[in-house]
N, C-alpha and C. Protein backbone atom coordinates (compact mmCIF):
# COMPACT_ATOMS: atom_id res chain seq x y z
N GLN A 1 99.88 -122.31 -37.07
CA GLN A 1 100.72 -122.84 -36.07
C GLN A 1 101.78 -121.61 -35.79
N GLN A 2 102.53 -121.32 -36.75
CA GLN A 2 103.56 -120.31 -36.59
C GLN A 2 103.03 -118.95 -36.27
N LEU A 3 101.85 -118.63 -36.71
CA LEU A 3 101.25 -117.41 -36.21
C LEU A 3 101.11 -117.42 -34.70
N GLY A 4 100.53 -118.69 -34.24
CA GLY A 4 100.31 -118.82 -32.77
C GLY A 4 101.48 -118.59 -31.93
N VAL A 5 102.77 -119.19 -32.45
CA VAL A 5 103.97 -119.15 -31.78
C VAL A 5 104.47 -117.59 -31.74
N ALA A 6 104.32 -117.02 -32.91
CA ALA A 6 104.78 -115.54 -33.01
C ALA A 6 104.04 -114.69 -32.02
N THR A 7 102.73 -115.13 -31.82
CA THR A 7 101.87 -114.24 -31.00
C THR A 7 102.38 -114.55 -29.52
N ASP A 8 102.58 -115.81 -29.19
CA ASP A 8 103.05 -116.31 -27.94
C ASP A 8 104.30 -115.49 -27.46
N ILE A 9 105.16 -115.47 -28.51
CA ILE A 9 106.53 -114.75 -28.24
C ILE A 9 106.30 -113.43 -28.00
N ALA A 10 105.40 -112.70 -28.72
CA ALA A 10 105.01 -111.11 -28.58
C ALA A 10 104.41 -111.04 -27.20
N VAL A 11 103.69 -111.95 -26.79
CA VAL A 11 102.86 -111.75 -25.43
C VAL A 11 104.10 -111.87 -24.36
N LEU A 12 104.87 -112.94 -24.49
CA LEU A 12 105.93 -113.09 -23.37
C LEU A 12 106.86 -111.89 -23.47
N ARG A 13 107.22 -111.34 -24.52
CA ARG A 13 108.11 -110.17 -24.52
C ARG A 13 107.37 -109.04 -23.72
N ALA A 14 106.13 -108.82 -23.93
CA ALA A 14 105.37 -107.75 -23.48
C ALA A 14 105.32 -108.04 -21.86
N GLN A 15 104.95 -109.27 -21.56
CA GLN A 15 105.01 -109.61 -20.08
C GLN A 15 106.37 -109.36 -19.48
N SER A 16 107.36 -109.71 -20.00
CA SER A 16 108.83 -109.44 -19.59
C SER A 16 109.09 -108.13 -19.39
N GLU A 17 108.80 -107.15 -20.45
CA GLU A 17 108.80 -105.65 -20.27
C GLU A 17 108.02 -105.20 -19.02
N MET A 18 106.83 -105.60 -18.92
CA MET A 18 106.11 -105.20 -17.83
C MET A 18 106.73 -105.64 -16.37
N ILE A 19 107.22 -106.73 -16.25
CA ILE A 19 107.95 -107.36 -15.11
C ILE A 19 109.14 -106.48 -14.90
N ASP A 20 109.82 -106.22 -15.82
CA ASP A 20 110.99 -105.32 -15.64
C ASP A 20 110.70 -103.95 -15.24
N GLN A 21 109.63 -103.42 -15.68
CA GLN A 21 109.17 -102.06 -15.17
C GLN A 21 108.83 -102.19 -13.79
N MET A 22 108.05 -103.20 -13.45
CA MET A 22 107.66 -103.35 -11.96
C MET A 22 108.70 -103.59 -10.93
N ALA A 23 109.84 -104.27 -11.53
CA ALA A 23 110.89 -104.61 -10.87
C ALA A 23 111.70 -103.34 -10.26
N VAL A 24 111.63 -102.35 -11.24
CA VAL A 24 112.41 -101.12 -11.00
C VAL A 24 111.52 -99.97 -10.98
N PRO A 25 110.76 -99.79 -10.00
CA PRO A 25 109.91 -98.59 -9.93
C PRO A 25 110.65 -97.33 -9.80
N VAL A 26 110.30 -96.19 -10.62
CA VAL A 26 110.70 -94.95 -10.61
C VAL A 26 109.60 -94.10 -10.30
N LEU A 27 109.51 -93.40 -9.01
CA LEU A 27 108.40 -92.62 -8.68
C LEU A 27 108.77 -91.11 -8.51
N GLN A 28 107.88 -90.18 -9.09
CA GLN A 28 108.12 -88.93 -8.89
C GLN A 28 107.65 -88.49 -7.52
N VAL A 29 108.39 -88.10 -6.54
CA VAL A 29 108.13 -87.75 -5.33
C VAL A 29 107.85 -86.26 -4.91
N TRP A 30 108.63 -85.37 -5.82
CA TRP A 30 108.41 -83.94 -5.63
C TRP A 30 108.66 -83.38 -7.09
N ASP A 31 108.41 -82.15 -7.40
CA ASP A 31 108.67 -81.62 -8.63
C ASP A 31 109.97 -81.90 -9.06
N ARG A 32 110.13 -82.60 -10.19
CA ARG A 32 111.51 -82.77 -10.78
C ARG A 32 112.48 -83.52 -9.91
N THR A 33 111.86 -84.45 -8.95
CA THR A 33 112.55 -85.29 -8.00
C THR A 33 112.04 -86.72 -8.21
N LEU A 34 112.87 -87.63 -8.51
CA LEU A 34 112.58 -89.00 -8.65
C LEU A 34 113.00 -89.89 -7.42
N LEU A 35 112.38 -90.90 -7.02
CA LEU A 35 112.87 -91.93 -6.13
C LEU A 35 112.82 -93.36 -6.83
N VAL A 36 113.90 -94.07 -6.65
CA VAL A 36 114.29 -95.30 -7.10
C VAL A 36 114.49 -96.20 -5.97
N PRO A 37 113.35 -97.01 -5.36
CA PRO A 37 113.59 -97.93 -4.33
C PRO A 37 114.13 -99.13 -4.81
N LEU A 38 115.12 -99.63 -4.30
CA LEU A 38 115.70 -100.91 -4.88
C LEU A 38 115.66 -101.96 -3.73
N VAL A 39 115.19 -103.06 -3.92
CA VAL A 39 115.01 -104.23 -3.08
C VAL A 39 115.45 -105.45 -3.68
N GLY A 40 116.37 -106.14 -3.00
CA GLY A 40 116.96 -107.35 -3.27
C GLY A 40 118.43 -107.29 -3.94
N ALA A 41 118.81 -108.28 -4.49
CA ALA A 41 120.20 -108.48 -5.04
C ALA A 41 120.28 -107.54 -6.18
N MET A 42 121.41 -106.90 -6.33
CA MET A 42 121.80 -106.11 -7.61
C MET A 42 122.57 -107.07 -8.61
N THR A 43 121.96 -107.74 -9.44
CA THR A 43 122.55 -108.53 -10.34
C THR A 43 123.01 -107.51 -11.66
N PRO A 44 123.87 -107.93 -12.47
CA PRO A 44 124.31 -107.12 -13.66
C PRO A 44 122.99 -106.86 -14.46
N ARG A 45 122.19 -107.82 -14.71
CA ARG A 45 120.86 -107.48 -15.37
C ARG A 45 119.94 -106.54 -14.88
N ARG A 46 119.84 -106.60 -13.55
CA ARG A 46 119.11 -105.84 -12.74
C ARG A 46 119.66 -104.22 -12.77
N ALA A 47 120.92 -104.19 -12.69
CA ALA A 47 121.68 -102.96 -12.71
C ALA A 47 121.45 -102.29 -13.97
N ALA A 48 121.44 -103.14 -15.15
CA ALA A 48 121.18 -102.45 -16.48
C ALA A 48 119.68 -101.95 -16.47
N LEU A 49 118.82 -102.74 -15.91
CA LEU A 49 117.37 -102.30 -15.92
C LEU A 49 117.29 -100.88 -14.93
N VAL A 50 117.86 -100.96 -13.89
CA VAL A 50 117.96 -99.75 -13.04
C VAL A 50 118.36 -98.57 -13.88
N GLN A 51 119.56 -98.56 -14.52
CA GLN A 51 120.17 -97.52 -15.27
C GLN A 51 119.14 -97.16 -16.42
N GLY A 52 118.64 -98.14 -17.03
CA GLY A 52 117.62 -97.78 -18.33
C GLY A 52 116.49 -97.02 -17.81
N GLN A 53 115.70 -97.66 -16.78
CA GLN A 53 114.63 -96.91 -16.24
C GLN A 53 114.91 -95.55 -15.84
N LEU A 54 115.83 -95.44 -14.96
CA LEU A 54 116.29 -94.22 -14.45
C LEU A 54 116.59 -93.09 -15.33
N LEU A 55 117.36 -93.55 -16.45
CA LEU A 55 117.60 -92.43 -17.45
C LEU A 55 116.44 -92.21 -18.31
N ARG A 56 115.60 -93.06 -18.67
CA ARG A 56 114.26 -92.65 -19.31
C ARG A 56 113.47 -91.80 -18.42
N SER A 57 113.29 -92.08 -17.27
CA SER A 57 112.50 -91.31 -16.37
C SER A 57 113.05 -89.98 -16.16
N ILE A 58 114.36 -89.73 -15.87
CA ILE A 58 114.92 -88.47 -15.93
C ILE A 58 114.58 -87.60 -17.22
N THR A 59 114.65 -88.23 -18.30
CA THR A 59 114.44 -87.49 -19.48
C THR A 59 113.00 -87.23 -19.56
N ARG A 60 112.09 -88.17 -19.43
CA ARG A 60 110.67 -87.86 -19.52
C ARG A 60 110.18 -86.87 -18.43
N VAL A 61 110.60 -86.80 -17.16
CA VAL A 61 110.22 -85.85 -16.19
C VAL A 61 110.99 -84.67 -16.26
N GLY A 62 112.14 -84.71 -16.72
CA GLY A 62 113.21 -83.38 -16.71
C GLY A 62 113.63 -83.36 -15.16
N ALA A 63 113.85 -84.56 -14.66
CA ALA A 63 114.27 -84.52 -13.18
C ALA A 63 115.82 -83.92 -12.92
N ILE A 64 115.83 -83.19 -11.87
CA ILE A 64 117.11 -82.57 -11.61
C ILE A 64 117.77 -83.30 -10.30
N ARG A 65 116.88 -84.07 -9.57
CA ARG A 65 117.23 -84.68 -8.38
C ARG A 65 116.69 -86.21 -8.48
N VAL A 66 117.66 -87.19 -8.03
CA VAL A 66 117.28 -88.65 -7.98
C VAL A 66 117.66 -89.06 -6.62
N LEU A 67 116.78 -89.79 -6.06
CA LEU A 67 117.15 -90.59 -4.76
C LEU A 67 117.11 -92.06 -4.98
N LEU A 68 118.34 -92.69 -5.03
CA LEU A 68 118.41 -94.03 -5.11
C LEU A 68 118.32 -94.70 -3.79
N ASP A 69 117.19 -95.41 -3.44
CA ASP A 69 117.11 -95.84 -2.04
C ASP A 69 117.58 -97.42 -2.04
N ILE A 70 118.61 -97.73 -1.41
CA ILE A 70 119.24 -98.89 -1.40
C ILE A 70 118.94 -99.60 -0.01
N THR A 71 118.06 -99.05 0.76
CA THR A 71 117.53 -99.66 2.11
C THR A 71 117.39 -101.11 1.90
N GLY A 72 116.75 -101.54 0.79
CA GLY A 72 116.30 -102.96 0.63
C GLY A 72 117.37 -103.90 -0.01
N VAL A 73 118.50 -103.27 -0.26
CA VAL A 73 119.74 -104.12 -0.91
C VAL A 73 120.52 -104.63 0.15
N PRO A 74 120.58 -106.11 0.38
CA PRO A 74 121.36 -106.65 1.46
C PRO A 74 122.74 -106.38 1.36
N THR A 75 123.44 -106.54 0.33
CA THR A 75 124.85 -106.29 0.22
C THR A 75 125.12 -106.01 -1.36
N LEU A 76 126.20 -105.48 -1.53
CA LEU A 76 126.77 -105.03 -2.78
C LEU A 76 128.09 -105.67 -3.08
N ASP A 77 128.26 -106.19 -4.22
CA ASP A 77 129.67 -106.78 -4.50
C ASP A 77 130.32 -105.63 -5.32
N GLU A 78 131.53 -105.82 -5.61
CA GLU A 78 132.25 -104.79 -6.44
C GLU A 78 131.73 -104.39 -7.73
N ARG A 79 131.16 -105.44 -8.38
CA ARG A 79 130.53 -105.07 -9.75
C ARG A 79 129.27 -104.36 -9.49
N SER A 80 128.52 -104.68 -8.47
CA SER A 80 127.28 -103.90 -8.14
C SER A 80 127.46 -102.54 -7.91
N ALA A 81 128.47 -102.32 -6.85
CA ALA A 81 128.85 -100.92 -6.41
C ALA A 81 129.21 -100.22 -7.78
N ALA A 82 130.01 -100.68 -8.63
CA ALA A 82 130.49 -99.96 -9.85
C ALA A 82 129.32 -99.78 -10.75
N ASP A 83 128.32 -100.76 -10.75
CA ASP A 83 127.15 -100.48 -11.63
C ASP A 83 126.29 -99.39 -11.11
N LEU A 84 126.17 -99.10 -9.69
CA LEU A 84 125.53 -98.18 -9.19
C LEU A 84 126.17 -96.77 -9.31
N ALA A 85 127.42 -96.94 -9.18
CA ALA A 85 128.15 -95.57 -9.48
C ALA A 85 128.01 -95.05 -10.89
N ARG A 86 127.87 -96.07 -11.88
CA ARG A 86 127.75 -95.66 -13.29
C ARG A 86 126.28 -95.13 -13.46
N ALA A 87 125.43 -95.65 -12.79
CA ALA A 87 124.13 -95.13 -12.87
C ALA A 87 123.97 -93.74 -12.37
N VAL A 88 124.77 -93.33 -11.22
CA VAL A 88 124.83 -92.01 -10.74
C VAL A 88 125.54 -90.97 -11.75
N GLN A 89 126.58 -91.63 -12.35
CA GLN A 89 127.25 -90.84 -13.35
C GLN A 89 126.52 -90.41 -14.64
N ALA A 90 125.75 -91.37 -15.17
CA ALA A 90 124.84 -91.32 -16.13
C ALA A 90 123.82 -90.26 -15.78
N ALA A 91 123.08 -90.37 -14.68
CA ALA A 91 122.19 -89.43 -14.20
C ALA A 91 122.76 -87.98 -14.17
N ARG A 92 124.03 -87.85 -13.73
CA ARG A 92 124.65 -86.48 -13.64
C ARG A 92 124.84 -86.11 -15.20
N LEU A 93 125.17 -86.83 -16.19
CA LEU A 93 125.19 -86.45 -17.61
C LEU A 93 123.93 -85.90 -18.10
N LEU A 94 122.98 -86.35 -17.60
CA LEU A 94 121.54 -85.96 -17.93
C LEU A 94 121.11 -84.61 -17.19
N GLY A 95 121.80 -84.23 -16.26
CA GLY A 95 121.63 -83.02 -15.39
C GLY A 95 120.92 -83.15 -14.25
N ALA A 96 120.95 -84.37 -13.71
CA ALA A 96 120.42 -84.83 -12.38
C ALA A 96 121.37 -85.11 -11.38
N ARG A 97 121.11 -84.63 -10.32
CA ARG A 97 122.10 -85.00 -9.22
C ARG A 97 121.49 -86.16 -8.44
N ALA A 98 122.39 -87.23 -8.26
CA ALA A 98 121.72 -88.36 -7.59
C ALA A 98 122.37 -88.51 -6.16
N ALA A 99 121.36 -88.87 -5.36
CA ALA A 99 121.84 -89.15 -3.75
C ALA A 99 121.51 -90.52 -3.47
N LEU A 100 122.54 -91.16 -2.72
CA LEU A 100 122.13 -92.61 -2.20
C LEU A 100 121.55 -92.43 -0.83
N VAL A 101 120.49 -93.09 -0.61
CA VAL A 101 119.66 -93.13 0.73
C VAL A 101 119.65 -94.62 1.05
N GLY A 102 119.59 -94.87 2.39
CA GLY A 102 119.39 -96.04 2.87
C GLY A 102 120.62 -96.88 3.08
N ILE A 103 121.76 -96.22 3.44
CA ILE A 103 123.01 -96.97 3.71
C ILE A 103 122.89 -97.55 5.08
N HIS A 104 122.90 -98.80 5.06
CA HIS A 104 122.91 -99.40 6.38
C HIS A 104 124.21 -99.92 6.75
N PRO A 105 124.65 -100.26 8.01
CA PRO A 105 126.11 -100.39 8.49
C PRO A 105 126.73 -101.53 7.52
N GLU A 106 125.96 -102.75 7.16
CA GLU A 106 126.67 -103.67 6.44
C GLU A 106 127.09 -103.09 5.19
N LEU A 107 126.09 -102.29 4.44
CA LEU A 107 126.57 -101.84 3.15
C LEU A 107 127.61 -100.73 3.20
N ALA A 108 127.65 -99.99 4.28
CA ALA A 108 128.69 -98.96 4.53
C ALA A 108 130.14 -99.79 4.73
N ARG A 109 130.23 -100.79 5.42
CA ARG A 109 131.53 -101.63 5.64
C ARG A 109 131.88 -102.14 4.37
N THR A 110 130.95 -102.69 3.49
CA THR A 110 131.23 -103.47 2.29
C THR A 110 131.79 -102.32 1.35
N LEU A 111 131.00 -101.21 1.33
CA LEU A 111 131.47 -100.30 0.16
C LEU A 111 132.99 -99.74 0.54
N VAL A 112 133.23 -99.62 1.84
CA VAL A 112 134.54 -98.97 2.35
C VAL A 112 135.58 -100.11 1.99
N ALA A 113 135.31 -101.38 2.30
CA ALA A 113 136.26 -102.50 1.99
C ALA A 113 136.43 -102.59 0.53
N LEU A 114 135.57 -102.34 -0.29
CA LEU A 114 135.63 -102.48 -1.73
C LEU A 114 136.50 -101.32 -2.23
N GLY A 115 136.58 -100.22 -1.49
CA GLY A 115 137.22 -99.06 -2.11
C GLY A 115 136.32 -98.24 -2.93
N SER A 116 135.05 -98.44 -2.90
CA SER A 116 134.11 -97.82 -3.74
C SER A 116 134.19 -96.33 -3.47
N SER A 117 133.90 -95.60 -4.58
CA SER A 117 134.13 -94.10 -4.47
C SER A 117 132.91 -93.53 -5.06
N PHE A 118 132.25 -92.87 -4.10
CA PHE A 118 131.06 -92.18 -4.43
C PHE A 118 131.26 -90.65 -4.10
N ALA A 119 132.44 -90.17 -4.48
CA ALA A 119 132.82 -88.72 -4.32
C ALA A 119 131.89 -87.92 -5.14
N GLY A 120 131.50 -86.86 -4.39
CA GLY A 120 130.45 -85.92 -5.03
C GLY A 120 129.07 -86.37 -4.96
N VAL A 121 128.83 -87.56 -4.32
CA VAL A 121 127.30 -87.96 -4.41
C VAL A 121 126.89 -87.77 -2.94
N THR A 122 125.75 -87.16 -2.77
CA THR A 122 125.23 -86.94 -1.49
C THR A 122 124.69 -88.24 -0.86
N ILE A 123 125.02 -88.58 0.32
CA ILE A 123 124.53 -89.83 1.02
C ILE A 123 123.82 -89.60 2.15
N HIS A 124 122.81 -90.17 2.31
CA HIS A 124 121.94 -90.11 3.67
C HIS A 124 121.51 -91.54 4.12
N ALA A 125 121.70 -91.57 5.47
CA ALA A 125 121.38 -92.94 6.02
C ALA A 125 120.02 -93.30 5.87
N THR A 126 119.00 -92.45 5.78
CA THR A 126 117.72 -92.92 5.63
C THR A 126 116.96 -92.07 4.70
N LEU A 127 115.78 -92.44 4.11
CA LEU A 127 115.00 -91.74 3.10
C LEU A 127 114.55 -90.44 4.01
N GLN A 128 114.16 -90.71 5.20
CA GLN A 128 113.65 -89.67 5.85
C GLN A 128 114.65 -88.45 6.18
N ASP A 129 115.93 -88.83 6.35
CA ASP A 129 117.05 -87.85 6.44
C ASP A 129 117.09 -87.07 5.23
N SER A 130 116.92 -87.66 4.10
CA SER A 130 116.97 -86.99 2.73
C SER A 130 115.82 -86.16 2.75
N ALA A 131 114.40 -86.48 2.98
CA ALA A 131 113.37 -85.59 2.95
C ALA A 131 113.36 -84.50 3.93
N GLY A 132 113.95 -84.74 5.02
CA GLY A 132 113.99 -83.58 5.86
C GLY A 132 114.99 -82.64 5.49
N GLN A 133 116.09 -83.00 4.74
CA GLN A 133 117.01 -82.02 4.13
C GLN A 133 116.46 -81.11 2.98
N ARG A 134 115.60 -81.88 2.17
CA ARG A 134 114.91 -81.18 1.13
C ARG A 134 113.75 -80.32 1.87
N LEU A 135 113.11 -80.57 2.73
CA LEU A 135 111.98 -79.81 3.25
C LEU A 135 112.71 -78.54 3.78
N GLU A 136 113.86 -78.65 4.45
CA GLU A 136 114.61 -77.43 4.96
C GLU A 136 115.21 -76.67 3.95
N LEU A 137 115.55 -77.20 2.89
CA LEU A 137 116.04 -76.40 1.70
C LEU A 137 114.84 -75.58 1.09
N VAL A 138 113.75 -76.20 0.89
CA VAL A 138 112.49 -75.45 0.52
C VAL A 138 111.99 -74.32 1.42
N ARG A 139 112.10 -74.65 2.77
CA ARG A 139 111.75 -73.65 3.68
C ARG A 139 112.68 -72.46 3.61
N ARG A 140 114.07 -72.70 3.46
CA ARG A 140 114.89 -71.53 3.40
C ARG A 140 114.70 -70.85 2.12
N LYS A 141 114.35 -71.43 0.87
CA LYS A 141 114.15 -70.72 -0.29
C LYS A 141 112.96 -69.82 -0.13
N LYS A 142 111.76 -70.38 0.58
CA LYS A 142 110.70 -69.56 0.80
C LYS A 142 110.95 -68.39 1.60
N ARG A 143 111.81 -68.47 2.69
CA ARG A 143 112.16 -67.30 3.42
C ARG A 143 112.96 -66.38 2.59
N LYS A 144 113.93 -66.80 1.81
CA LYS A 144 114.72 -65.99 0.88
C LYS A 144 113.71 -65.22 0.15
N ASP A 145 112.91 -65.87 -0.62
CA ASP A 145 112.02 -65.22 -1.48
C ASP A 145 111.03 -64.25 -0.91
N ALA A 146 110.61 -64.45 0.44
CA ALA A 146 109.86 -63.55 1.11
C ALA A 146 110.70 -62.25 1.43
N LEU A 147 111.89 -62.56 1.90
CA LEU A 147 112.90 -61.27 2.21
C LEU A 147 112.84 -60.53 0.79
N LEU A 148 113.20 -61.05 -0.30
CA LEU A 148 113.51 -60.40 -1.51
C LEU A 148 112.24 -59.60 -1.77
N GLY A 149 111.11 -60.34 -1.51
CA GLY A 149 109.88 -59.59 -1.86
C GLY A 149 109.74 -58.36 -1.06
N ASN A 150 110.03 -58.47 0.15
CA ASN A 150 109.95 -57.36 1.13
C ASN A 150 110.95 -56.17 0.68
N LEU A 151 112.12 -56.59 0.10
CA LEU A 151 113.16 -55.64 -0.14
C LEU A 151 112.71 -54.92 -1.44
N ARG A 152 112.00 -55.77 -2.46
CA ARG A 152 111.55 -55.06 -3.75
C ARG A 152 110.51 -54.12 -3.39
N THR A 153 109.57 -54.39 -2.43
CA THR A 153 108.44 -53.48 -2.05
C THR A 153 109.18 -52.18 -1.28
N ASP A 154 110.08 -52.33 -0.39
CA ASP A 154 110.76 -51.30 0.05
C ASP A 154 111.33 -50.41 -0.88
N ILE A 155 112.08 -51.03 -1.90
CA ILE A 155 112.73 -50.14 -2.89
C ILE A 155 111.71 -49.33 -3.72
N GLY A 156 110.62 -50.16 -4.01
CA GLY A 156 109.54 -49.56 -4.80
C GLY A 156 108.97 -48.22 -4.04
N GLU A 157 108.88 -48.40 -2.75
CA GLU A 157 108.36 -47.23 -2.09
C GLU A 157 109.36 -46.12 -2.08
N VAL A 158 110.71 -46.48 -1.95
CA VAL A 158 111.72 -45.32 -2.00
C VAL A 158 111.69 -44.66 -3.44
N ALA A 159 111.26 -45.62 -4.53
CA ALA A 159 111.35 -45.11 -5.84
C ALA A 159 110.22 -44.10 -6.04
N LEU A 160 109.16 -44.02 -5.21
CA LEU A 160 108.14 -43.12 -5.36
C LEU A 160 108.61 -41.73 -4.74
N ASP A 161 109.50 -41.69 -3.91
CA ASP A 161 110.18 -40.36 -3.50
C ASP A 161 111.26 -40.19 -4.40
N GLU A 162 110.89 -39.59 -5.54
CA GLU A 162 111.73 -39.49 -6.66
C GLU A 162 113.18 -38.65 -6.37
N PRO A 163 113.09 -37.39 -5.71
CA PRO A 163 114.28 -36.82 -5.57
C PRO A 163 115.23 -37.61 -4.74
N ARG A 164 114.65 -38.30 -3.52
CA ARG A 164 115.64 -38.90 -2.81
C ARG A 164 116.25 -40.22 -3.41
N PHE A 165 115.39 -40.89 -4.21
CA PHE A 165 115.87 -42.05 -4.89
C PHE A 165 117.00 -41.55 -5.98
N THR A 166 116.66 -40.49 -6.64
CA THR A 166 117.72 -40.06 -7.67
C THR A 166 118.94 -39.66 -7.11
N ARG A 167 118.95 -39.09 -5.87
CA ARG A 167 120.16 -38.71 -5.29
C ARG A 167 121.04 -40.08 -4.61
N TYR A 168 120.35 -41.12 -4.44
CA TYR A 168 120.88 -42.30 -4.02
C TYR A 168 121.55 -43.25 -5.15
N PHE A 169 120.56 -43.20 -6.14
CA PHE A 169 120.82 -44.23 -7.16
C PHE A 169 121.14 -43.60 -8.64
N GLY A 170 120.88 -42.31 -8.68
CA GLY A 170 121.12 -41.77 -9.99
C GLY A 170 120.21 -41.85 -11.06
N SER A 171 118.98 -42.49 -10.79
CA SER A 171 117.93 -42.72 -11.75
C SER A 171 116.71 -42.77 -11.05
N THR A 172 115.63 -42.63 -11.79
CA THR A 172 114.36 -42.82 -11.08
C THR A 172 113.87 -44.26 -11.60
N THR A 173 114.52 -45.01 -12.27
CA THR A 173 114.08 -46.31 -12.56
C THR A 173 114.88 -47.37 -12.02
N PRO A 174 114.42 -48.13 -11.00
CA PRO A 174 115.03 -49.18 -10.31
C PRO A 174 115.27 -50.26 -11.29
N ASP A 175 116.70 -50.62 -11.47
CA ASP A 175 116.88 -51.73 -12.33
C ASP A 175 117.22 -52.96 -11.63
N LEU A 176 116.39 -53.44 -10.79
CA LEU A 176 116.73 -54.46 -9.93
C LEU A 176 116.15 -55.96 -10.28
N TYR A 177 115.34 -55.88 -11.19
CA TYR A 177 114.70 -57.05 -11.66
C TYR A 177 115.34 -57.68 -12.95
């Protein structure tokens, strides 16, 4: 009988852990970028789950960016806002920059009324705004890389004209890489 109770307790614990993981999904949406969609009330227990799942996922993936999507959070009280701020700080300590997305008017009013400070945290009204900004950054990086590639090619061609290159740079070996 005791063996049956112990087995039941083990099964209940495993189910509870599975439910906790499903309650706080952490999705990898880009290379080293995580999305944490939050829906429903932020209780202290749930905030602890969010922080735990988030930090484990940052470490596992080596994430450098985290999007906390609070579109589905109807309201935050002072404690919930502080818990969210602590999750952002903890992510920062692991080397990931966190952004809050999904700030709707009611949440904005509440956060201002509570005096919550999310200084240094990127905030976007919607997940789409955040994704758009990320795509723009990727486009800029690709343009920059293309320009640098062209510059390196041009310098390489000049290096082939050794006398002229030596006159300008004093060496025949371009030390640009």
